[in-house]
Amino acid sequence: MSKLYKTVITACDRYVPNNLRPLWNHEAGPKTVFFWAPFFKWSLVLTSLDEFRRPIESVSPSTAAALSATGLIWTRYCLVIKPVAHSLAVCNFSLGIANGVQCLRAMRHHYEKDQAAAATESEF
């Protein structure tokens, strides 16, 4: 796979305009994993944001909490590695916040549902 990737990058290298060369050759540019990891990880963030449209009953608080913790933990890691991966840190932070809010919403829904069930139980 590495040989194929290098062949594709070498082929694309000829077509990169001079004004984009600094980005192209940057230590966290498209020639490295530091570019492609956040590029694809944004799909998790977009999926998390799309879940706000789903009924809250179908949201798993434990899954949202796990994704939130993962995003926030990896945000810290992105800021201590060399080169510092700012774009991946923003992506991970967004993942953590989006799922943290979703987790709180789901937990609140479950709490209110339990309270309503307890209230109807006490009426009888």
PDB file of N, CA and C in Angstrom:
ATOM      1  N   MET A   1       0.824  -1.194   0.000  1.00  0.00           N
ATOM      2  CA  MET A   1       0.000   0.000   0.000  1.00  0.00           C
ATOM      3  C   MET A   1       0.860   1.246   0.000  1.00  0.00           C
ATOM      4  N   SER A   2       1.951   1.222   0.722  1.00  0.00           N
ATOM      5  CA  SER A   2       2.822   2.379   0.804  1.00  0.00           C
ATOM      6  C   SER A   2       3.403   2.725  -0.565  1.00  0.00           C
ATOM      7  N   LYS A   3       3.748   1.708  -1.335  1.00  0.00           N
ATOM      8  CA  LYS A   3       4.308   1.948  -2.671  1.00  0.00           C
ATOM      9  C   LYS A   3       3.256   2.599  -3.575  1.00  0.00           C
ATOM     10  N   LEU A   4       2.029   2.119  -3.492  1.00  0.00           N
ATOM     11  CA  LEU A   4       0.936   2.705  -4.275  1.00  0.00           C
ATOM     12  C   LEU A   4       0.708   4.161  -3.870  1.00  0.00           C
ATOM     13  N   TYR A   5       0.685   4.406  -2.560  1.00  0.00           N
ATOM     14  CA  TYR A   5       0.480   5.766  -2.059  1.00  0.00           C
ATOM     15  C   TYR A   5       1.593   6.690  -2.561  1.00  0.00           C
ATOM     16  N   LYS A   6       2.837   6.243  -2.477  1.00  0.00           N
ATOM     17  CA  LYS A   6       3.956   7.065  -2.937  1.00  0.00           C
ATOM     18  C   LYS A   6       3.876   7.332  -4.433  1.00  0.00           C
ATOM     19  N   THR A   7       3.425   6.355  -5.197  1.00  0.00           N
ATOM     20  CA  THR A   7       3.271   6.531  -6.641  1.00  0.00           C
ATOM     21  C   THR A   7       2.210   7.590  -6.940  1.00  0.00           C
ATOM     22  N   VAL A   8       1.095   7.526  -6.240  1.00  0.00           N
ATOM     23  CA  VAL A   8       0.011   8.498  -6.445  1.00  0.00           C
ATOM     24  C   VAL A   8       0.480   9.901  -6.047  1.00  0.00           C
ATOM     25  N   ILE A   9       1.157  10.021  -4.909  1.00  0.00           N
ATOM     26  CA  ILE A   9       1.644  11.326  -4.457  1.00  0.00           C
ATOM     27  C   ILE A   9       2.653  11.894  -5.445  1.00  0.00           C
ATOM     28  N   THR A  10       3.544  11.062  -5.943  1.00  0.00           N
ATOM     29  CA  THR A  10       4.541  11.512  -6.914  1.00  0.00           C
ATOM     30  C   THR A  10       3.864  11.977  -8.201  1.00  0.00           C
ATOM     31  N   ALA A  11       2.834  11.254  -8.629  1.00  0.00           N
ATOM     32  CA  ALA A  11       2.100  11.651  -9.836  1.00  0.00           C
ATOM     33  C   ALA A  11       1.374  12.979  -9.622  1.00  0.00           C
ATOM     34  N   CYS A  12       0.793  13.160  -8.437  1.00  0.00           N
ATOM     35  CA  CYS A  12       0.061  14.399  -8.134  1.00  0.00           C
ATOM     36  C   CYS A  12       1.007  15.576  -7.914  1.00  0.00           C
ATOM     37  N   ASP A  13       2.218  15.285  -7.518  1.00  0.00           N
ATOM     38  CA  ASP A  13       3.197  16.323  -7.202  1.00  0.00           C
ATOM     39  C   ASP A  13       3.424  17.283  -8.372  1.00  0.00           C
ATOM     40  N   ARG A  14       3.348  16.765  -9.579  1.00  0.00           N
ATOM     41  CA  ARG A  14       3.577  17.601 -10.772  1.00  0.00           C
ATOM     42  C   ARG A  14       2.488  18.645 -10.989  1.00  0.00           C
ATOM     43  N   TYR A  15       1.287  18.367 -10.501  1.00  0.00           N
ATOM     44  CA  TYR A  15       0.139  19.225 -10.786  1.00  0.00           C
ATOM     45  C   TYR A  15      -0.193  20.225  -9.684  1.00  0.00           C
ATOM     46  N   VAL A  16       0.554  20.204  -8.609  1.00  0.00           N
ATOM     47  CA  VAL A  16       0.284  21.125  -7.507  1.00  0.00           C
ATOM     48  C   VAL A  16       0.813  22.517  -7.887  1.00  0.00           C
ATOM     49  N   PRO A  17      -0.053  23.541  -7.852  1.00  0.00           N
ATOM     50  CA  PRO A  17       0.396  24.894  -8.194  1.00  0.00           C
ATOM     51  C   PRO A  17       1.448  25.403  -7.200  1.00  0.00           C
ATOM     52  N   ASN A  18       2.275  26.309  -7.658  1.00  0.00           N
ATOM     53  CA  ASN A  18       3.357  26.836  -6.821  1.00  0.00           C
ATOM     54  C   ASN A  18       2.854  27.522  -5.558  1.00  0.00           C
ATOM     55  N   ASN A  19       1.704  28.191  -5.637  1.00  0.00           N
ATOM     56  CA  ASN A  19       1.205  28.877  -4.445  1.00  0.00           C
ATOM     57  C   ASN A  19       0.677  27.898  -3.384  1.00  0.00           C
ATOM     58  N   LEU A  20       0.408  26.643  -3.756  1.00  0.00           N
ATOM     59  CA  LEU A  20      -0.035  25.634  -2.797  1.00  0.00           C
ATOM     60  C   LEU A  20       1.096  24.703  -2.346  1.00  0.00           C
ATOM     61  N   ARG A  21       2.297  24.910  -2.882  1.00  0.00           N
ATOM     62  CA  ARG A  21       3.445  24.058  -2.515  1.00  0.00           C
ATOM     63  C   ARG A  21       3.753  24.059  -1.018  1.00  0.00           C
ATOM     64  N   PRO A  22       3.703  25.215  -0.321  1.00  0.00           N
ATOM     65  CA  PRO A  22       3.991  25.168   1.127  1.00  0.00           C
ATOM     66  C   PRO A  22       3.020  24.253   1.880  1.00  0.00           C
ATOM     67  N   LEU A  23       1.742  24.291   1.541  1.00  0.00           N
ATOM     68  CA  LEU A  23       0.763  23.402   2.165  1.00  0.00           C
ATOM     69  C   LEU A  23       1.036  21.950   1.766  1.00  0.00           C
ATOM     70  N   TRP A  24       1.297  21.730   0.495  1.00  0.00           N
ATOM     71  CA  TRP A  24       1.527  20.382  -0.024  1.00  0.00           C
ATOM     72  C   TRP A  24       2.744  19.724   0.632  1.00  0.00           C
ATOM     73  N   ASN A  25       3.784  20.486   0.852  1.00  0.00           N
ATOM     74  CA  ASN A  25       5.020  19.943   1.415  1.00  0.00           C
ATOM     75  C   ASN A  25       5.131  20.119   2.926  1.00  0.00           C
ATOM     76  N   HIS A  26       4.101  20.644   3.562  1.00  0.00           N
ATOM     77  CA  HIS A  26       4.123  20.858   5.013  1.00  0.00           C
ATOM     78  C   HIS A  26       4.239  19.525   5.742  1.00  0.00           C
ATOM     79  N   GLU A  27       4.844  19.545   6.940  1.00  0.00           N
ATOM     80  CA  GLU A  27       5.018  18.301   7.703  1.00  0.00           C
ATOM     81  C   GLU A  27       3.704  17.679   8.165  1.00  0.00           C
ATOM     82  N   ALA A  28       2.621  18.439   8.101  1.00  0.00           N
ATOM     83  CA  ALA A  28       1.294  17.898   8.398  1.00  0.00           C
ATOM     84  C   ALA A  28       0.372  18.065   7.193  1.00  0.00           C
ATOM     85  N   GLY A  29       0.964  18.093   6.002  1.00  0.00           N
ATOM     86  CA  GLY A  29       0.202  18.299   4.779  1.00  0.00           C
ATOM     87  C   GLY A  29      -0.369  17.009   4.212  1.00  0.00           C
ATOM     88  N   PRO A  30      -0.921  17.084   3.001  1.00  0.00           N
ATOM     89  CA  PRO A  30      -1.593  15.934   2.384  1.00  0.00           C
ATOM     90  C   PRO A  30      -0.693  14.725   2.119  1.00  0.00           C
ATOM     91  N   LYS A  31       0.600  14.884   2.229  1.00  0.00           N
ATOM     92  CA  LYS A  31       1.497  13.751   2.031  1.00  0.00           C
ATOM     93  C   LYS A  31       1.635  12.908   3.301  1.00  0.00           C
ATOM     94  N   THR A  32       0.984  13.309   4.388  1.00  0.00           N
ATOM     95  CA  THR A  32       1.143  12.623   5.672  1.00  0.00           C
ATOM     96  C   THR A  32      -0.196  12.194   6.249  1.00  0.00           C
ATOM     97  N   VAL A  33      -0.141  11.331   7.256  1.00  0.00           N
ATOM     98  CA  VAL A  33      -1.346  10.886   7.958  1.00  0.00           C
ATOM     99  C   VAL A  33      -1.954  12.029   8.773  1.00  0.00           C
ATOM    100  N   PHE A  34      -1.153  13.033   9.101  1.00  0.00           N
ATOM    101  CA  PHE A  34      -1.646  14.160   9.897  1.00  0.00           C
ATOM    102  C   PHE A  34      -2.699  14.970   9.140  1.00  0.00           C
ATOM    103  N   PHE A  35      -2.729  14.824   7.844  1.00  0.00           N
ATOM    104  CA  PHE A  35      -3.752  15.477   7.034  1.00  0.00           C
ATOM    105  C   PHE A  35      -4.963  14.568   6.862  1.00  0.00           C
ATOM    106  N   TRP A  36      -4.736  13.300   6.551  1.00  0.00           N
ATOM    107  CA  TRP A  36      -5.818  12.393   6.190  1.00  0.00           C
ATOM    108  C   TRP A  36      -6.622  11.903   7.388  1.00  0.00           C
ATOM    109  N   ALA A  37      -6.003  11.812   8.552  1.00  0.00           N
ATOM    110  CA  ALA A  37      -6.749  11.365   9.741  1.00  0.00           C
ATOM    111  C   ALA A  37      -7.913  12.300  10.050  1.00  0.00           C
ATOM    112  N   PRO A  38      -7.688  13.619  10.172  1.00  0.00           N
ATOM    113  CA  PRO A  38      -8.847  14.487  10.435  1.00  0.00           C
ATOM    114  C   PRO A  38      -9.799  14.567   9.248  1.00  0.00           C
ATOM    115  N   PHE A  39      -9.257  14.453   8.047  1.00  0.00           N
ATOM    116  CA  PHE A  39     -10.090  14.509   6.845  1.00  0.00           C
ATOM    117  C   PHE A  39     -11.194  13.456   6.923  1.00  0.00           C
ATOM    118  N   PHE A  40     -10.839  12.239   7.310  1.00  0.00           N
ATOM    119  CA  PHE A  40     -11.829  11.177   7.401  1.00  0.00           C
ATOM    120  C   PHE A  40     -12.551  11.157   8.745  1.00  0.00           C
ATOM    121  N   LYS A  41     -11.909  11.637   9.798  1.00  0.00           N
ATOM    122  CA  LYS A  41     -12.542  11.609  11.112  1.00  0.00           C
ATOM    123  C   LYS A  41     -13.697  12.606  11.206  1.00  0.00           C
ATOM    124  N   TRP A  42     -13.705  13.615  10.336  1.00  0.00           N
ATOM    125  CA  TRP A  42     -14.827  14.547  10.338  1.00  0.00           C
ATOM    126  C   TRP A  42     -16.136  13.833  10.027  1.00  0.00           C
ATOM    127  N   SER A  43     -16.071  12.662   9.382  1.00  0.00           N
ATOM    128  CA  SER A  43     -17.307  11.916   9.121  1.00  0.00           C
ATOM    129  C   SER A  43     -17.961  11.488  10.434  1.00  0.00           C
ATOM    130  N   LEU A  44     -17.163  11.168  11.469  1.00  0.00           N
ATOM    131  CA  LEU A  44     -17.722  10.847  12.782  1.00  0.00           C
ATOM    132  C   LEU A  44     -18.413  12.060  13.401  1.00  0.00           C
ATOM    133  N   VAL A  45     -17.797  13.223  13.233  1.00  0.00           N
ATOM    134  CA  VAL A  45     -18.390  14.446  13.778  1.00  0.00           C
ATOM    135  C   VAL A  45     -19.700  14.748  13.058  1.00  0.00           C
ATOM    136  N   LEU A  46     -19.701  14.635  11.743  1.00  0.00           N
ATOM    137  CA  LEU A  46     -20.928  14.905  10.978  1.00  0.00           C
ATOM    138  C   LEU A  46     -22.027  13.905  11.323  1.00  0.00           C
ATOM    139  N   THR A  47     -21.654  12.653  11.531  1.00  0.00           N
ATOM    140  CA  THR A  47     -22.637  11.646  11.946  1.00  0.00           C
ATOM    141  C   THR A  47     -23.199  11.984  13.314  1.00  0.00           C
ATOM    142  N   SER A  48     -22.333  12.430  14.212  1.00  0.00           N
ATOM    143  CA  SER A  48     -22.786  12.807  15.555  1.00  0.00           C
ATOM    144  C   SER A  48     -23.754  13.982  15.499  1.00  0.00           C
ATOM    145  N   LEU A  49     -23.455  14.943  14.639  1.00  0.00           N
ATOM    146  CA  LEU A  49     -24.357  16.086  14.494  1.00  0.00           C
ATOM    147  C   LEU A  49     -25.680  15.675  13.849  1.00  0.00           C
ATOM    148  N   ASP A  50     -25.611  14.725  12.923  1.00  0.00           N
ATOM    149  CA  ASP A  50     -26.825  14.243  12.262  1.00  0.00           C
ATOM    150  C   ASP A  50     -27.729  13.502  13.244  1.00  0.00           C
ATOM    151  N   GLU A  51     -27.147  12.911  14.280  1.00  0.00           N
ATOM    152  CA  GLU A  51     -27.950  12.179  15.257  1.00  0.00           C
ATOM    153  C   GLU A  51     -28.856  13.085  16.080  1.00  0.00           C
ATOM    154  N   PHE A  52     -28.637  14.379  16.036  1.00  0.00           N
ATOM    155  CA  PHE A  52     -29.531  15.298  16.740  1.00  0.00           C
ATOM    156  C   PHE A  52     -30.919  15.296  16.108  1.00  0.00           C
ATOM    157  N   ARG A  53     -31.021  14.792  14.877  1.00  0.00           N
ATOM    158  CA  ARG A  53     -32.320  14.711  14.208  1.00  0.00           C
ATOM    159  C   ARG A  53     -33.078  13.449  14.588  1.00  0.00           C
ATOM    160  N   ARG A  54     -32.374  12.450  15.123  1.00  0.00           N
ATOM    161  CA  ARG A  54     -33.010  11.186  15.510  1.00  0.00           C
ATOM    162  C   ARG A  54     -33.835  11.372  16.779  1.00  0.00           C
ATOM    163  N   PRO A  55     -34.832  10.520  16.964  1.00  0.00           N
ATOM    164  CA  PRO A  55     -35.587  10.573  18.230  1.00  0.00           C
ATOM    165  C   PRO A  55     -34.639  10.277  19.392  1.00  0.00           C
ATOM    166  N   ILE A  56     -34.783  10.999  20.464  1.00  0.00           N
ATOM    167  CA  ILE A  56     -33.870  10.882  21.600  1.00  0.00           C
ATOM    168  C   ILE A  56     -33.940   9.485  22.218  1.00  0.00           C
ATOM    169  N   GLU A  57     -35.073   8.791  22.055  1.00  0.00           N
ATOM    170  CA  GLU A  57     -35.202   7.440  22.607  1.00  0.00           C
ATOM    171  C   GLU A  57     -34.212   6.470  21.978  1.00  0.00           C
ATOM    172  N   SER A  58     -33.799   6.739  20.747  1.00  0.00           N
ATOM    173  CA  SER A  58     -32.902   5.815  20.047  1.00  0.00           C
ATOM    174  C   SER A  58     -31.425   6.122  20.281  1.00  0.00           C
ATOM    175  N   VAL A  59     -31.128   7.151  21.046  1.00  0.00           N
ATOM    176  CA  VAL A  59     -29.733   7.528  21.315  1.00  0.00           C
ATOM    177  C   VAL A  59     -29.230   6.769  22.535  1.00  0.00           C
ATOM    178  N   SER A  60     -28.085   6.168  22.404  1.00  0.00           N
ATOM    179  CA  SER A  60     -27.483   5.431  23.509  1.00  0.00           C
ATOM    180  C   SER A  60     -26.571   6.358  24.314  1.00  0.00           C
ATOM    181  N   PRO A  61     -26.884   6.598  25.586  1.00  0.00           N
ATOM    182  CA  PRO A  61     -26.022   7.469  26.393  1.00  0.00           C
ATOM    183  C   PRO A  61     -24.612   6.911  26.553  1.00  0.00           C
ATOM    184  N   SER A  62     -24.487   5.598  26.646  1.00  0.00           N
ATOM    185  CA  SER A  62     -23.148   5.014  26.829  1.00  0.00           C
ATOM    186  C   SER A  62     -22.293   5.170  25.576  1.00  0.00           C
ATOM    187  N   THR A  63     -22.882   5.027  24.403  1.00  0.00           N
ATOM    188  CA  THR A  63     -22.136   5.230  23.157  1.00  0.00           C
ATOM    189  C   THR A  63     -21.728   6.690  23.016  1.00  0.00           C
ATOM    190  N   ALA A  64     -22.652   7.583  23.294  1.00  0.00           N
ATOM    191  CA  ALA A  64     -22.343   9.010  23.199  1.00  0.00           C
ATOM    192  C   ALA A  64     -21.267   9.401  24.210  1.00  0.00           C
ATOM    193  N   ALA A  65     -21.329   8.836  25.403  1.00  0.00           N
ATOM    194  CA  ALA A  65     -20.320   9.136  26.427  1.00  0.00           C
ATOM    195  C   ALA A  65     -18.946   8.611  26.006  1.00  0.00           C
ATOM    196  N   ALA A  66     -18.925   7.415  25.417  1.00  0.00           N
ATOM    197  CA  ALA A  66     -17.649   6.843  24.963  1.00  0.00           C
ATOM    198  C   ALA A  66     -17.038   7.685  23.846  1.00  0.00           C
ATOM    199  N   LEU A  67     -17.849   8.104  22.888  1.00  0.00           N
ATOM    200  CA  LEU A  67     -17.335   8.954  21.804  1.00  0.00           C
ATOM    201  C   LEU A  67     -16.893  10.309  22.327  1.00  0.00           C
ATOM    202  N   SER A  68     -17.613  10.847  23.296  1.00  0.00           N
ATOM    203  CA  SER A  68     -17.227  12.127  23.887  1.00  0.00           C
ATOM    204  C   SER A  68     -15.887  12.017  24.603  1.00  0.00           C
ATOM    205  N   ALA A  69     -15.739  10.984  25.412  1.00  0.00           N
ATOM    206  CA  ALA A  69     -14.470  10.783  26.131  1.00  0.00           C
ATOM    207  C   ALA A  69     -13.316  10.566  25.163  1.00  0.00           C
ATOM    208  N   THR A  70     -13.556   9.759  24.135  1.00  0.00           N
ATOM    209  CA  THR A  70     -12.518   9.513  23.131  1.00  0.00           C
ATOM    210  C   THR A  70     -12.087  10.809  22.465  1.00  0.00           C
ATOM    211  N   GLY A  71     -13.062  11.604  22.047  1.00  0.00           N
ATOM    212  CA  GLY A  71     -12.735  12.865  21.385  1.00  0.00           C
ATOM    213  C   GLY A  71     -11.938  13.799  22.277  1.00  0.00           C
ATOM    214  N   LEU A  72     -12.328  13.916  23.533  1.00  0.00           N
ATOM    215  CA  LEU A  72     -11.638  14.845  24.431  1.00  0.00           C
ATOM    216  C   LEU A  72     -10.251  14.337  24.827  1.00  0.00           C
ATOM    217  N   ILE A  73     -10.118  13.035  25.024  1.00  0.00           N
ATOM    218  CA  ILE A  73      -8.791  12.476  25.342  1.00  0.00           C
ATOM    219  C   ILE A  73      -7.829  12.659  24.178  1.00  0.00           C
ATOM    220  N   TRP A  74      -8.293  12.350  22.968  1.00  0.00           N
ATOM    221  CA  TRP A  74      -7.413  12.470  21.804  1.00  0.00           C
ATOM    222  C   TRP A  74      -7.121  13.920  21.436  1.00  0.00           C
ATOM    223  N   THR A  75      -7.971  14.838  21.868  1.00  0.00           N
ATOM    224  CA  THR A  75      -7.667  16.258  21.656  1.00  0.00           C
ATOM    225  C   THR A  75      -6.358  16.605  22.352  1.00  0.00           C
ATOM    226  N   ARG A  76      -6.208  16.163  23.572  1.00  0.00           N
ATOM    227  CA  ARG A  76      -4.974  16.411  24.329  1.00  0.00           C
ATOM    228  C   ARG A  76      -3.769  15.794  23.622  1.00  0.00           C
ATOM    229  N   TYR A  77      -3.931  14.559  23.159  1.00  0.00           N
ATOM    230  CA  TYR A  77      -2.833  13.877  22.474  1.00  0.00           C
ATOM    231  C   TYR A  77      -2.401  14.642  21.219  1.00  0.00           C
ATOM    232  N   CYS A  78      -3.365  15.166  20.477  1.00  0.00           N
ATOM    233  CA  CYS A  78      -3.052  15.891  19.237  1.00  0.00           C
ATOM    234  C   CYS A  78      -2.207  17.131  19.499  1.00  0.00           C
ATOM    235  N   LEU A  79      -2.304  17.664  20.705  1.00  0.00           N
ATOM    236  CA  LEU A  79      -1.565  18.885  21.022  1.00  0.00           C
ATOM    237  C   LEU A  79      -0.169  18.607  21.576  1.00  0.00           C
ATOM    238  N   VAL A  80       0.163  17.358  21.879  1.00  0.00           N
ATOM    239  CA  VAL A  80       1.487  17.054  22.415  1.00  0.00           C
ATOM    240  C   VAL A  80       2.372  16.280  21.433  1.00  0.00           C
ATOM    241  N   ILE A  81       1.798  15.745  20.338  1.00  0.00           N
ATOM    242  CA  ILE A  81       2.626  15.038  19.366  1.00  0.00           C
ATOM    243  C   ILE A  81       3.361  16.030  18.483  1.00  0.00           C
ATOM    244  N   LYS A  82       4.396  15.567  17.835  1.00  0.00           N
ATOM    245  CA  LYS A  82       5.145  16.400  16.892  1.00  0.00           C
ATOM    246  C   LYS A  82       5.004  15.805  15.505  1.00  0.00           C
ATOM    247  N   PRO A  83       4.583  16.562  14.510  1.00  0.00           N
ATOM    248  CA  PRO A  83       4.130  17.937  14.579  1.00  0.00           C
ATOM    249  C   PRO A  83       2.759  18.013  15.246  1.00  0.00           C
ATOM    250  N   VAL A  84       2.503  19.138  15.862  1.00  0.00           N
ATOM    251  CA  VAL A  84       1.212  19.346  16.525  1.00  0.00           C
ATOM    252  C   VAL A  84       0.121  19.288  15.459  1.00  0.00           C
ATOM    253  N   ALA A  85      -0.874  18.453  15.691  1.00  0.00           N
ATOM    254  CA  ALA A  85      -1.949  18.239  14.720  1.00  0.00           C
ATOM    255  C   ALA A  85      -3.160  19.091  15.104  1.00  0.00           C
ATOM    256  N   HIS A  86      -3.111  20.365  14.764  1.00  0.00           N
ATOM    257  CA  HIS A  86      -4.194  21.285  15.126  1.00  0.00           C
ATOM    258  C   HIS A  86      -5.518  20.890  14.482  1.00  0.00           C
ATOM    259  N   SER A  87      -5.486  20.491  13.221  1.00  0.00           N
ATOM    260  CA  SER A  87      -6.735  20.137  12.547  1.00  0.00           C
ATOM    261  C   SER A  87      -7.362  18.891  13.168  1.00  0.00           C
ATOM    262  N   LEU A  88      -6.543  17.928  13.562  1.00  0.00           N
ATOM    263  CA  LEU A  88      -7.070  16.738  14.223  1.00  0.00           C
ATOM    264  C   LEU A  88      -7.565  17.073  15.629  1.00  0.00           C
ATOM    265  N   ALA A  89      -6.900  18.011  16.300  1.00  0.00           N
ATOM    266  CA  ALA A  89      -7.342  18.427  17.634  1.00  0.00           C
ATOM    267  C   ALA A  89      -8.722  19.082  17.557  1.00  0.00           C
ATOM    268  N   VAL A  90      -8.937  19.928  16.577  1.00  0.00           N
ATOM    269  CA  VAL A  90     -10.248  20.582  16.407  1.00  0.00           C
ATOM    270  C   VAL A  90     -11.314  19.528  16.089  1.00  0.00           C
ATOM    271  N   CYS A  91     -10.961  18.569  15.257  1.00  0.00           N
ATOM    272  CA  CYS A  91     -11.893  17.499  14.903  1.00  0.00           C
ATOM    273  C   CYS A  91     -12.264  16.686  16.138  1.00  0.00           C
ATOM    274  N   ASN A  92     -11.268  16.278  16.921  1.00  0.00           N
ATOM    275  CA  ASN A  92     -11.523  15.489  18.126  1.00  0.00           C
ATOM    276  C   ASN A  92     -12.310  16.283  19.162  1.00  0.00           C
ATOM    277  N   PHE A  93     -11.993  17.561  19.316  1.00  0.00           N
ATOM    278  CA  PHE A  93     -12.724  18.403  20.257  1.00  0.00           C
ATOM    279  C   PHE A  93     -14.187  18.521  19.842  1.00  0.00           C
ATOM    280  N   SER A  94     -14.422  18.705  18.551  1.00  0.00           N
ATOM    281  CA  SER A  94     -15.799  18.784  18.040  1.00  0.00           C
ATOM    282  C   SER A  94     -16.545  17.478  18.290  1.00  0.00           C
ATOM    283  N   LEU A  95     -15.862  16.361  18.095  1.00  0.00           N
ATOM    284  CA  LEU A  95     -16.464  15.052  18.363  1.00  0.00           C
ATOM    285  C   LEU A  95     -16.826  14.925  19.843  1.00  0.00           C
ATOM    286  N   GLY A  96     -15.923  15.371  20.710  1.00  0.00           N
ATOM    287  CA  GLY A  96     -16.177  15.299  22.145  1.00  0.00           C
ATOM    288  C   GLY A  96     -17.345  16.158  22.582  1.00  0.00           C
ATOM    289  N   ILE A  97     -17.400  17.372  22.075  1.00  0.00           N
ATOM    290  CA  ILE A  97     -18.486  18.292  22.463  1.00  0.00           C
ATOM    291  C   ILE A  97     -19.831  17.816  21.905  1.00  0.00           C
ATOM    292  N   ALA A  98     -19.864  17.449  20.625  1.00  0.00           N
ATOM    293  CA  ALA A  98     -21.125  17.010  20.013  1.00  0.00           C
ATOM    294  C   ALA A  98     -21.697  15.798  20.745  1.00  0.00           C
ATOM    295  N   ASN A  99     -20.850  14.834  21.058  1.00  0.00           N
ATOM    296  CA  ASN A  99     -21.341  13.646  21.742  1.00  0.00           C
ATOM    297  C   ASN A  99     -21.586  13.890  23.223  1.00  0.00           C
ATOM    298  N   GLY A 100     -20.871  14.828  23.817  1.00  0.00           N
ATOM    299  CA  GLY A 100     -21.144  15.194  25.202  1.00  0.00           C
ATOM    300  C   GLY A 100     -22.531  15.785  25.345  1.00  0.00           C
ATOM    301  N   VAL A 101     -22.895  16.666  24.429  1.00  0.00           N
ATOM    302  CA  VAL A 101     -24.234  17.264  24.443  1.00  0.00           C
ATOM    303  C   VAL A 101     -25.287  16.183  24.194  1.00  0.00           C
ATOM    304  N   GLN A 102     -24.994  15.303  23.251  1.00  0.00           N
ATOM    305  CA  GLN A 102     -25.940  14.220  22.948  1.00  0.00           C
ATOM    306  C   GLN A 102     -26.108  13.290  24.148  1.00  0.00           C
ATOM    307  N   CYS A 103     -25.023  13.003  24.841  1.00  0.00           N
ATOM    308  CA  CYS A 103     -25.068  12.157  26.034  1.00  0.00           C
ATOM    309  C   CYS A 103     -25.916  12.813  27.123  1.00  0.00           C
ATOM    310  N   LEU A 104     -25.704  14.100  27.347  1.00  0.00           N
ATOM    311  CA  LEU A 104     -26.501  14.815  28.354  1.00  0.00           C
ATOM    312  C   LEU A 104     -27.979  14.823  28.000  1.00  0.00           C
ATOM    313  N   ARG A 105     -28.288  15.018  26.732  1.00  0.00           N
ATOM    314  CA  ARG A 105     -29.685  14.991  26.290  1.00  0.00           C
ATOM    315  C   ARG A 105     -30.309  13.626  26.545  1.00  0.00           C
ATOM    316  N   ALA A 106     -29.582  12.560  26.194  1.00  0.00           N
ATOM    317  CA  ALA A 106     -30.107  11.202  26.367  1.00  0.00           C
ATOM    318  C   ALA A 106     -30.266  10.874  27.852  1.00  0.00           C
ATOM    319  N   MET A 107     -29.305  11.274  28.668  1.00  0.00           N
ATOM    320  CA  MET A 107     -29.409  11.014  30.104  1.00  0.00           C
ATOM    321  C   MET A 107     -30.589  11.768  30.714  1.00  0.00           C
ATOM    322  N   ARG A 108     -30.778  13.009  30.280  1.00  0.00           N
ATOM    323  CA  ARG A 108     -31.908  13.795  30.783  1.00  0.00           C
ATOM    324  C   ARG A 108     -33.235  13.154  30.381  1.00  0.00           C
ATOM    325  N   HIS A 109     -33.286  12.674  29.157  1.00  0.00           N
ATOM    326  CA  HIS A 109     -34.511  12.006  28.684  1.00  0.00           C
ATOM    327  C   HIS A 109     -34.800  10.762  29.521  1.00  0.00           C
ATOM    328  N   HIS A 110     -33.785   9.939  29.750  1.00  0.00           N
ATOM    329  CA  HIS A 110     -33.981   8.730  30.563  1.00  0.00           C
ATOM    330  C   HIS A 110     -34.384   9.088  31.996  1.00  0.00           C
ATOM    331  N   TYR A 111     -33.804  10.138  32.543  1.00  0.00           N
ATOM    332  CA  TYR A 111     -34.146  10.576  33.901  1.00  0.00           C
ATOM    333  C   TYR A 111     -35.606  11.025  33.962  1.00  0.00           C
ATOM    334  N   GLU A 112     -36.015  11.856  32.997  1.00  0.00           N
ATOM    335  CA  GLU A 112     -37.395  12.340  32.975  1.00  0.00           C
ATOM    336  C   GLU A 112     -38.375  11.190  32.762  1.00  0.00           C
ATOM    337  N   LYS A 113     -37.998  10.216  31.949  1.00  0.00           N
ATOM    338  CA  LYS A 113     -38.851   9.051  31.719  1.00  0.00           C
ATOM    339  C   LYS A 113     -39.006   8.240  33.010  1.00  0.00           C
ATOM    340  N   ASP A 114     -37.910   8.066  33.733  1.00  0.00           N
ATOM    341  CA  ASP A 114     -37.961   7.353  35.011  1.00  0.00           C
ATOM    342  C   ASP A 114     -38.799   8.124  36.035  1.00  0.00           C
ATOM    343  N   GLN A 115     -38.667   9.445  36.050  1.00  0.00           N
ATOM    344  CA  GLN A 115     -39.455  10.265  36.970  1.00  0.00           C
ATOM    345  C   GLN A 115     -40.945  10.168  36.654  1.00  0.00           C
ATOM    346  N   ALA A 116     -41.281  10.177  35.376  1.00  0.00           N
ATOM    347  CA  ALA A 116     -42.687  10.071  34.972  1.00  0.00           C
ATOM    348  C   ALA A 116     -43.238   8.697  35.343  1.00  0.00           C
ATOM    349  N   ALA A 117     -42.430   7.658  35.164  1.00  0.00           N
ATOM    350  CA  ALA A 117     -42.866   6.306  35.523  1.00  0.00           C
ATOM    351  C   ALA A 117     -43.071   6.189  37.028  1.00  0.00           C
ATOM    352  N   ALA A 118     -42.181   6.805  37.815  1.00  0.00           N
ATOM    353  CA  ALA A 118     -42.307   6.771  39.269  1.00  0.00           C
ATOM    354  C   ALA A 118     -43.536   7.559  39.723  1.00  0.00           C
ATOM    355  N   ALA A 119     -43.833   8.654  39.029  1.00  0.00           N
ATOM    356  CA  ALA A 119     -45.002   9.470  39.394  1.00  0.00           C
ATOM    357  C   ALA A 119     -46.298   8.703  39.125  1.00  0.00           C
ATOM    358  N   THR A 120     -46.372   8.006  37.990  1.00  0.00           N
ATOM    359  CA  THR A 120     -47.580   7.244  37.684  1.00  0.00           C
ATOM    360  C   THR A 120     -47.705   6.043  38.603  1.00  0.00           C
ATOM    361  N   GLU A 121     -46.594   5.477  39.026  1.00  0.00           N
ATOM    362  CA  GLU A 121     -46.595   4.357  39.949  1.00  0.00           C
ATOM    363  C   GLU A 121     -47.109   4.779  41.321  1.00  0.00           C
ATOM    364  N   SER A 122     -46.719   5.971  41.740  1.00  0.00           N
ATOM    365  CA  SER A 122     -47.120   6.447  43.064  1.00  0.00           C
ATOM    366  C   SER A 122     -48.594   6.852  43.105  1.00  0.00           C
ATOM    367  N   GLU A 123     -49.183   7.115  41.947  1.00  0.00           N
ATOM    368  CA  GLU A 123     -50.598   7.472  41.899  1.00  0.00           C
ATOM    369  C   GLU A 123     -51.477   6.270  42.216  1.00  0.00           C
ATOM    370  N   PHE A 124     -50.972   5.087  41.948  1.00  0.00           N
ATOM    371  CA  PHE A 124     -51.786   3.890  42.152  1.00  0.00           C
ATOM    372  C   PHE A 124     -51.532   3.319  43.466  1.00  0.00           C
TER     373      PHE A 124
END
